[in-house]
């Protein structure tokens, strides 16, 4: 009876968790209703500024030199991060708090608010143009990578210790939660896509990719420091992940794989010489595969964040016209945000699964072994 009771209560705990995430997102979002750039137009105009949902949503999605938590009145609550610059033969080390939330310059450097270098640290030249130094700063996304990497290491070190203790006994605790995911990826994704003979070579990489994406997708939904960064919604991060898959396929591919690219069997010779049409098409295909991996993950995660923040912003948009309209819209907005948070939890798993599955398929195509005894047709 006790087991059945726990099973019935589990959906309630999930609902409460999603509700907390939704309310937390709304609370953080509510503190951003005052525009960031209001100081540039004078304090007398700050009260007249209207809530701009586009600016606030983009601010939550893009990278930053500080981890902004909330804004209470005119006070910004944020965590400063290290700034590391190399310019004119000198290294510069200081904390991002020296910029005072992007309002002031420090040692000739400041955060640009316009042009191609918007949001980047620059230095103004004598002619008024801006130059960007070599920037190795620990930004919000970089710090989030350290946090998620530490969490992954702690989780799997704990699971490794559990395996040593339990040995052949049934898994317990965190091990019982993660082990089904490991077995699912191994048996249903990697082994079936790559094959029994070669899958062990690539299993560590593919498991790392899956759990890195899945964990960061979930952490991005938690609006509490040090979580909430839009890490997998950043093209630089998804691009590096896709590049890793591309390099794994390229260096792991056998001679049959490269033969199909540069001398595809069964293709008429006039598609290869004098203009190598088929090799060009195959090489383009090699590039588009990781490109699709990069864009798919970025677009799906970013779209989810935009939709959730868009629903929350409706409260403040309607609230500017009428207080009762804002309260009325809050009911619908909260309901839609809760639904989207449930959906995003599912998307967090699906996107990690899809990236791992496609990477496994690409690797499987590169290591596939079969004899090519086909006769080339000559015309």
Foldseek 3Di string as FASTA:
>chain_A
DVVVVVVVCVVVVVLVVLLVLLVQVLVQLVQCQFDPCVVVVPPVCRVVDGGDLVVSLVVLADKAQWAWQGHDPNDTDIGWWWWWFADPNDIDIDTPCVCVSQPRADPQWGADCDDPRHRAIWGADPVGDTDHTPTPTCILLNVVLVVLVVVVVVLVVVLVVQCVVQVPHDGDDSVNVCVVVLCCCQPVFQCVQQHPPCSVVCSVVLVVLLSSLLSLLLQLSRSDPPGNHLNLLDLVNLLVNLVVLLVCLVVLFDPVLVCCQQPNAQDECVCCPPPHNRNVVSVVVSVVLSVCSSCVSNVVSSVLSSVLSVLSVVLSVLCVVPVVSSVVSVVVSSVVNSVSSVVSNVVSNVSSVVSSRSSSNSNNSRHDDDDDPDDHDYD
